[in-house]
Each structure stands twice: as structure tokens, then as C-alpha cells.
Amino acid sequence: MDRPIFIVGSARSGTTLLQRMMRSHSKISSPTGESHFFIPLYKNRASYGDLKNIDNIKHILEEMRRISREYVEEDLKGITFNTDTLAHQLVEENKSSVIEIISSLMEKNAAGDGKQRWLEKTPYYVLNIKTITEMFPDAQFINIIRDGRDCALAMLERKKDLKIFNVYHAASIWKQYVETGQQAKEYLGNERYFEIKYEDLTNNPEKILREICLYINEEFEPSMVHFEKSKDPNSKTPMLGKSIQNRNSEKWRNKMSKRDIRIFENIAGKTLKANNYPTLTKCKPLPISIKVFYELHKRISRWHYKRNP
């Protein structure tokens, strides 16, 4: 298999749209969901014992199911996630480490899709790029960035899923994800790190996708622009069911209150400016009392939704 590709970025920044475009390439396979198990399995690798033992391999596969049931049972379109069958295959193939097991799973899924390369999209892996590079030294990363105020609006529309309940928290998360992702360029270099803007992708998708293909050393295919649309009426990303729209930017100007704009820019104004997004306020630091209020609101909201899902 060729080098793995990871799409990372803040929640609601266009990672799923880009994933759908990329998986429309004839050589690139990508499960339609998010794995979430790469990092915890790798960090806990010492606890699984000798992975030449089939029962220990089954344990790891069941951990994948526990962490991301929908992903392994529904999103892996190229294989059937049968623990016993997969465990026997992995033993026969002499896969005896967490990394080899994850790689083999993704490779089998890609082969089942009739493709040569696998891509993984789990946005929070942007916080774990160093760990991912330990696991997959030849991995290539695509970091997608979107105006944080539009991200915040979209995060709060899905506050129950994302556990983000106020604009202060949304700004803090966006700032952390963007800055951490961009710091990775310092040690990855241009050969393993590529950055795009969501606004550029939706304004001129063919241009950006051609640049991505050049970066990953694949031929551009028009199918990437005319990707297969989602038929799910309950999709969490409505744009997946439509043609690409360049009107999905700067919604914050009309939909975000002046107070929320001020709060967001006070938290993440420097990061907005560093990425050439205009600000409307002076981006002054927030008083401690306001920070305490929003932090308390976040904790109470999480407690409430945990008790009343």
C-alpha cells in the first residue's frame, strides 16, 4: 500500500466534505466516519500483551468496536468486521503490533474497495500529529482551516454531539486546533504537511484539489469535484447532499450576535488575523470573571446533558 493520508482540522471546518472529495478518487479509500481508536490503542499498547496470541488480538479488535462501533460495523465498506475472522487472518499474516493491526485493517478495507491507498479523517488527530507520525512515519497530513466564527456557529448547532455549549468554549477549541496543526509544519515540512482553507476549497474546488493531488503524488480526477452526494436526509453535514456552495462562508456576519463576535475575537483574534481572517473588534483579553462564567456554564451544561442525553 502507498503512504497513508490523514485529514485533520477543527470540528466543522470542512473535513468531511474534503474526505468525500478525496474518497471519490479511484485510488483512495476512506471510511465514511471517524475512527477515534488510533491514539488510545497506541498509547495503551503495552497493556494488550503478546499480540502473537489470537485472544489478545481479539481484545484489540473488540476495543475498536467499543470505542467506535458505528465506524467498524458500518463505515468500513470494504470488509466485514468479524472479530474471529479478522483475528485469524492477522495471526496468519504475522501482524503482532498495534500499528500492524491498524494498518492491516485499513489496507484490507482499501483492497475491498478496489483501491490502493487509505485515508483517515478524524479531526481531533490534529492534536496528535506527533503520535501519528510515530505510528506511520511516511504519513501525509492535510490540515483544513475555516474561519473560526463560522466553525463556532456550526459547533453550537451540534452542541450535544460535540459537547461544546458556548462561544467561549468554541473559540478556545478552534484556536487550539488551528495553532497545534500549524505548529506541526515546523517538524513535518512541506513534504508531509499541506494546508488549505475551507473558503478556497468551496470557491475553487478544482484548483485546490489539483494542488492536493500534486502534494500526494496522484493524478487529479474530475470525480473529486463531482463527488458522490449523500442521500441521508439526517446527515450531520447537509452540504454532502448538494453541489459545492461558495455561499457557506462568513455566515457569522449575519447569524452571530455582536456580543458573541466580541467574545470569540477576544479569545482567538490573533489566530484569526494570523490566518488572514478580518476581525471587527479590538480583540482585548477577556476579564477573569467572564472566563469563569463561561467555564462554569460549560461544566454545568455537560453535567446536564450527561444526565439527560
Protein backbone atom coordinates (compact mmCIF):
# COMPACT_ATOMS: atom_id res chain seq x y z
CA MET A 1 0.00 0.00 0.00
CA ASP A 2 1.08 3.59 -0.66
CA ARG A 3 1.51 6.24 2.01
CA PRO A 4 -1.49 6.85 4.32
CA ILE A 5 -3.19 10.24 4.26
CA PHE A 6 -4.72 11.98 7.28
CA ILE A 7 -7.24 14.82 7.03
CA VAL A 8 -7.22 16.88 10.23
CA GLY A 9 -8.61 20.18 11.48
CA SER A 10 -11.08 21.75 13.83
CA ALA A 11 -14.58 20.34 14.09
CA ARG A 12 -16.95 21.77 11.46
CA SER A 13 -14.13 23.09 9.31
CA GLY A 14 -14.90 21.03 6.19
CA THR A 15 -13.01 17.83 6.99
CA THR A 16 -15.97 15.65 5.99
CA LEU A 17 -16.52 17.50 2.72
CA LEU A 18 -12.84 17.11 1.83
CA GLN A 19 -12.95 13.44 2.81
CA ARG A 20 -15.88 12.83 0.44
CA MET A 21 -13.97 14.53 -2.36
CA MET A 22 -10.79 12.55 -1.72
CA ARG A 23 -12.51 9.16 -1.44
CA SER A 24 -14.05 9.77 -4.88
CA HIS A 25 -10.55 9.30 -6.32
CA SER A 26 -10.11 5.92 -8.00
CA LYS A 27 -7.03 5.09 -5.88
CA ILE A 28 -8.05 6.47 -2.46
CA SER A 29 -10.18 4.60 0.05
CA SER A 30 -11.63 6.26 3.13
CA PRO A 31 -14.23 5.02 5.61
CA THR A 32 -17.14 7.46 5.76
CA GLY A 33 -16.82 8.06 9.50
CA GLU A 34 -14.13 8.75 12.12
CA SER A 35 -12.05 6.06 13.81
CA HIS A 36 -11.12 7.67 17.17
CA PHE A 37 -9.27 4.49 18.24
CA PHE A 38 -5.82 5.02 16.69
CA ILE A 39 -4.47 7.09 19.58
CA PRO A 40 -5.93 5.22 22.60
CA LEU A 41 -4.91 1.83 21.21
CA TYR A 42 -1.37 3.01 20.54
CA LYS A 43 -0.98 4.69 23.93
CA ASN A 44 -2.24 1.56 25.71
CA ARG A 45 -0.28 -0.87 23.51
CA ALA A 46 1.77 -2.26 26.40
CA SER A 47 -1.39 -3.46 28.15
CA TYR A 48 -2.51 -5.87 25.43
CA GLY A 49 0.17 -8.49 26.00
CA ASP A 50 1.74 -10.70 23.36
CA LEU A 51 -0.03 -9.96 20.09
CA LYS A 52 1.02 -13.27 18.60
CA ASN A 53 -1.74 -14.60 20.87
CA ILE A 54 -5.04 -14.64 18.99
CA ASP A 55 -7.08 -13.83 22.10
CA ASN A 56 -5.08 -10.64 22.63
CA ILE A 57 -5.68 -9.64 19.00
CA LYS A 58 -9.40 -10.25 19.51
CA HIS A 59 -9.22 -8.00 22.56
CA ILE A 60 -7.80 -5.17 20.43
CA LEU A 61 -10.47 -5.65 17.77
CA GLU A 62 -13.18 -5.54 20.41
CA GLU A 63 -11.63 -2.35 21.79
CA MET A 64 -12.01 -0.84 18.32
CA ARG A 65 -15.67 -1.81 18.42
CA ARG A 66 -16.13 -0.42 21.91
CA ILE A 67 -14.58 2.94 21.01
CA SER A 68 -16.16 3.32 17.54
CA ARG A 69 -18.92 0.76 16.97
CA GLU A 70 -20.54 2.62 14.07
CA TYR A 71 -17.17 3.05 12.35
CA VAL A 72 -16.17 -0.62 12.39
CA GLU A 73 -19.64 -2.03 11.74
CA GLU A 74 -20.93 0.45 9.14
CA ASP A 75 -18.21 2.78 7.84
CA LEU A 76 -15.67 0.17 6.74
CA LYS A 77 -17.30 -0.58 3.39
CA GLY A 78 -14.53 -2.84 2.10
CA ILE A 79 -14.62 -5.51 4.82
CA THR A 80 -16.93 -7.23 7.25
CA PHE A 81 -15.73 -6.54 10.78
CA ASN A 82 -15.92 -10.07 12.13
CA THR A 83 -13.61 -10.34 15.15
CA ASP A 84 -12.89 -14.06 14.81
CA THR A 85 -12.24 -13.95 11.07
CA LEU A 86 -10.03 -10.87 11.24
CA ALA A 87 -8.08 -12.21 14.23
CA HIS A 88 -7.25 -15.46 12.40
CA GLN A 89 -6.18 -13.52 9.31
CA LEU A 90 -3.93 -11.25 11.37
CA VAL A 91 -2.27 -14.22 13.07
CA GLU A 92 -1.67 -15.91 9.71
CA GLU A 93 -0.17 -12.65 8.38
CA ASN A 94 2.06 -12.38 11.48
CA LYS A 95 0.69 -8.96 12.46
CA SER A 96 1.95 -8.64 16.01
CA SER A 97 1.79 -4.96 16.96
CA VAL A 98 -0.98 -2.40 17.36
CA ILE A 99 0.37 -0.43 14.39
CA GLU A 100 0.45 -3.52 12.16
CA ILE A 101 -3.09 -4.45 13.17
CA ILE A 102 -4.47 -0.97 12.43
CA SER A 103 -2.53 -0.77 9.15
CA SER A 104 -3.74 -4.19 8.07
CA LEU A 105 -7.34 -3.30 8.86
CA MET A 106 -7.16 -0.13 6.77
CA GLU A 107 -5.33 -1.92 3.94
CA LYS A 108 -7.90 -4.72 3.86
CA ASN A 109 -10.68 -2.16 3.72
CA ALA A 110 -8.97 -0.30 0.86
CA ALA A 111 -8.39 -3.56 -1.04
CA GLY A 112 -12.05 -4.43 -0.54
CA ASP A 113 -12.90 -1.08 -2.10
CA GLY A 114 -10.65 -1.94 -5.03
CA LYS A 115 -8.23 0.87 -4.14
CA GLN A 116 -4.52 1.17 -3.44
CA ARG A 117 -4.29 3.82 -0.73
CA TRP A 118 -6.09 4.60 2.50
CA LEU A 119 -7.14 7.92 4.00
CA GLU A 120 -8.32 8.57 7.55
CA LYS A 121 -10.35 11.57 8.71
CA THR A 122 -10.69 12.14 12.46
CA PRO A 123 -10.42 15.89 13.17
CA TYR A 124 -9.04 15.66 16.72
CA TYR A 125 -5.99 13.76 15.45
CA VAL A 126 -4.67 17.27 14.69
CA LEU A 127 -3.74 17.33 18.38
CA ASN A 128 -1.83 14.05 17.99
CA ILE A 129 0.18 14.54 14.80
CA LYS A 130 3.46 13.66 16.53
CA THR A 131 1.98 10.38 17.76
CA ILE A 132 0.53 9.61 14.32
CA THR A 133 3.98 10.18 12.77
CA GLU A 134 5.46 7.74 15.30
CA MET A 135 2.91 5.20 14.14
CA PHE A 136 3.12 5.98 10.42
CA PRO A 137 6.42 7.76 9.64
CA ASP A 138 5.55 8.18 5.97
CA ALA A 139 2.04 9.59 6.58
CA GLN A 140 0.94 12.76 4.79
CA PHE A 141 -1.33 15.31 6.51
CA ILE A 142 -3.86 17.71 5.04
CA ASN A 143 -4.88 20.38 7.55
CA ILE A 144 -8.05 22.26 6.61
CA ILE A 145 -8.78 25.62 8.25
CA ARG A 146 -12.06 27.55 8.23
CA ASP A 147 -12.99 30.93 9.70
CA GLY A 148 -13.43 30.11 13.38
CA ARG A 149 -16.60 32.14 13.76
CA ASP A 150 -18.32 30.02 11.11
CA CYS A 151 -16.94 26.93 12.85
CA ALA A 152 -18.36 28.18 16.14
CA LEU A 153 -21.84 28.63 14.67
CA ALA A 154 -21.71 25.11 13.25
CA MET A 155 -20.31 23.66 16.51
CA LEU A 156 -23.14 25.17 18.53
CA GLU A 157 -25.71 23.76 16.10
CA ARG A 158 -24.37 20.33 17.14
CA LYS A 159 -23.60 21.15 20.75
CA LYS A 160 -24.97 17.84 22.09
CA ASP A 161 -22.74 15.78 19.77
CA LEU A 162 -19.60 17.87 20.23
CA LYS A 163 -20.15 18.82 23.90
CA ILE A 164 -19.47 22.48 23.06
CA PHE A 165 -22.08 24.70 24.71
CA ASN A 166 -20.95 28.33 24.38
CA VAL A 167 -18.99 30.61 22.07
CA TYR A 168 -16.12 30.98 24.56
CA HIS A 169 -15.52 27.23 24.52
CA ALA A 170 -15.90 27.05 20.72
CA ALA A 171 -13.30 29.82 20.28
CA SER A 172 -10.86 28.11 22.66
CA ILE A 173 -11.20 24.77 20.85
CA TRP A 174 -10.81 26.33 17.40
CA LYS A 175 -7.73 28.29 18.48
CA GLN A 176 -6.11 25.19 20.00
CA TYR A 177 -6.76 23.01 16.95
CA VAL A 178 -5.58 25.58 14.39
CA GLU A 179 -2.43 26.56 16.26
CA THR A 180 -1.46 22.96 17.08
CA GLY A 181 -1.96 21.88 13.48
CA GLN A 182 0.12 24.73 12.11
CA GLN A 183 2.94 24.05 14.56
CA ALA A 184 3.25 20.59 13.01
CA LYS A 185 4.50 22.11 9.77
CA GLU A 186 7.75 23.03 11.57
CA TYR A 187 8.77 19.39 12.02
CA LEU A 188 6.82 17.75 9.16
CA GLY A 189 7.91 20.07 6.38
CA ASN A 190 6.20 20.62 3.04
CA GLU A 191 6.58 17.00 2.00
CA ARG A 192 4.33 15.72 4.80
CA TYR A 193 2.17 18.75 5.66
CA PHE A 194 -0.27 20.55 3.39
CA GLU A 195 -2.66 23.29 4.48
CA ILE A 196 -5.80 24.52 2.76
CA LYS A 197 -8.60 26.96 3.56
CA TYR A 198 -12.20 25.79 3.53
CA GLU A 199 -13.19 29.01 1.79
CA ASP A 200 -10.69 28.36 -1.02
CA LEU A 201 -11.93 24.78 -1.39
CA THR A 202 -15.56 25.86 -1.82
CA ASN A 203 -14.72 28.84 -4.05
CA ASN A 204 -12.42 26.96 -6.41
CA PRO A 205 -12.57 23.23 -5.67
CA GLU A 206 -10.77 22.05 -8.80
CA LYS A 207 -7.77 24.31 -8.19
CA ILE A 208 -7.38 23.21 -4.57
CA LEU A 209 -7.91 19.52 -5.36
CA ARG A 210 -5.30 19.70 -8.11
CA GLU A 211 -2.85 21.15 -5.58
CA ILE A 212 -3.68 18.37 -3.12
CA CYS A 213 -3.15 15.73 -5.80
CA LEU A 214 0.23 17.21 -6.64
CA TYR A 215 1.12 17.06 -2.93
CA ILE A 216 0.10 13.39 -2.54
CA ASN A 217 1.55 12.46 -5.94
CA GLU A 218 -1.70 11.31 -7.53
CA GLU A 219 -3.37 12.32 -10.78
CA PHE A 220 -6.28 14.73 -10.41
CA GLU A 221 -9.65 13.20 -11.27
CA PRO A 222 -12.82 15.24 -12.05
CA SER A 223 -14.81 12.80 -9.90
CA MET A 224 -13.28 14.50 -6.87
CA VAL A 225 -15.15 17.72 -7.65
CA HIS A 226 -18.32 15.87 -8.66
CA PHE A 227 -18.18 13.56 -5.65
CA GLU A 228 -20.99 11.17 -4.80
CA LYS A 229 -23.62 13.09 -2.84
CA SER A 230 -25.07 11.80 0.42
CA LYS A 231 -28.65 10.54 0.24
CA ASP A 232 -29.06 10.59 4.02
CA PRO A 233 -31.77 13.17 4.93
CA ASN A 234 -30.48 13.18 8.51
CA SER A 235 -26.84 13.85 7.60
CA LYS A 236 -24.96 15.96 10.13
CA THR A 237 -23.26 17.70 7.20
CA PRO A 238 -26.05 18.94 4.88
CA MET A 239 -23.59 20.12 2.20
CA LEU A 240 -22.76 16.48 1.43
CA GLY A 241 -26.12 16.16 -0.30
CA LYS A 242 -25.62 19.23 -2.50
CA SER A 243 -23.27 20.60 -5.10
CA ILE A 244 -20.39 22.62 -3.65
CA GLN A 245 -21.60 26.01 -2.46
CA ASN A 246 -19.37 29.04 -2.04
CA ARG A 247 -22.12 30.78 -0.07
CA ASN A 248 -21.32 28.77 3.04
CA SER A 249 -18.75 31.32 4.26
CA GLU A 250 -19.00 34.40 6.50
CA LYS A 251 -22.37 33.31 7.88
CA TRP A 252 -21.20 34.69 11.20
CA ARG A 253 -21.65 38.26 9.94
CA ASN A 254 -25.43 37.82 9.92
CA LYS A 255 -26.01 34.97 12.35
CA MET A 256 -23.63 35.73 15.24
CA SER A 257 -24.54 38.39 17.79
CA LYS A 258 -22.19 41.33 18.35
CA ARG A 259 -21.56 40.02 21.84
CA ASP A 260 -20.57 36.56 20.59
CA ILE A 261 -18.33 38.08 17.92
CA ARG A 262 -16.58 40.10 20.60
CA ILE A 263 -16.17 37.07 22.87
CA PHE A 264 -14.81 34.92 20.02
CA GLU A 265 -12.37 37.56 18.82
CA ASN A 266 -11.17 38.28 22.34
CA ILE A 267 -10.21 34.61 22.64
CA ALA A 268 -8.98 33.82 19.13
CA GLY A 269 -8.48 37.17 17.42
CA LYS A 270 -4.72 36.73 16.96
CA THR A 271 -5.25 33.34 15.36
CA LEU A 272 -7.91 34.77 13.04
CA LYS A 273 -5.56 37.56 11.96
CA ALA A 274 -2.63 35.17 11.51
CA ASN A 275 -4.78 33.27 9.01
CA ASN A 276 -5.94 36.41 7.20
CA TYR A 277 -9.49 36.45 8.54
CA PRO A 278 -10.71 40.02 9.24
CA THR A 279 -11.77 40.96 12.76
CA LEU A 280 -14.39 43.51 13.82
CA THR A 281 -13.22 44.24 17.36
CA LYS A 282 -10.01 45.23 19.15
CA CYS A 283 -9.54 41.65 20.41
CA LYS A 284 -8.89 42.62 24.01
CA PRO A 285 -8.29 39.91 26.62
CA LEU A 286 -11.42 38.81 28.47
CA PRO A 287 -11.80 39.64 32.18
CA ILE A 288 -11.27 36.70 34.50
CA SER A 289 -14.87 36.91 35.70
CA ILE A 290 -16.20 36.34 32.16
CA LYS A 291 -13.86 33.38 31.66
CA VAL A 292 -15.02 31.85 34.95
CA PHE A 293 -18.66 32.33 33.94
CA TYR A 294 -18.23 30.54 30.61
CA GLU A 295 -16.16 27.76 32.13
CA LEU A 296 -18.86 27.18 34.76
CA HIS A 297 -21.54 27.25 32.06
CA LYS A 298 -19.63 24.61 30.09
CA ARG A 299 -19.30 22.30 33.08
CA ILE A 300 -22.94 22.65 34.13
CA SER A 301 -24.13 22.07 30.55
CA ARG A 302 -22.02 18.93 30.19
CA TRP A 303 -23.30 17.64 33.53
CA HIS A 304 -26.88 18.35 32.48
CA TYR A 305 -26.63 16.62 29.10
CA LYS A 306 -24.85 13.64 30.62
CA ARG A 307 -27.79 13.17 32.99
CA ASN A 308 -30.38 13.98 30.30
CA PRO A 309 -28.95 12.71 26.99
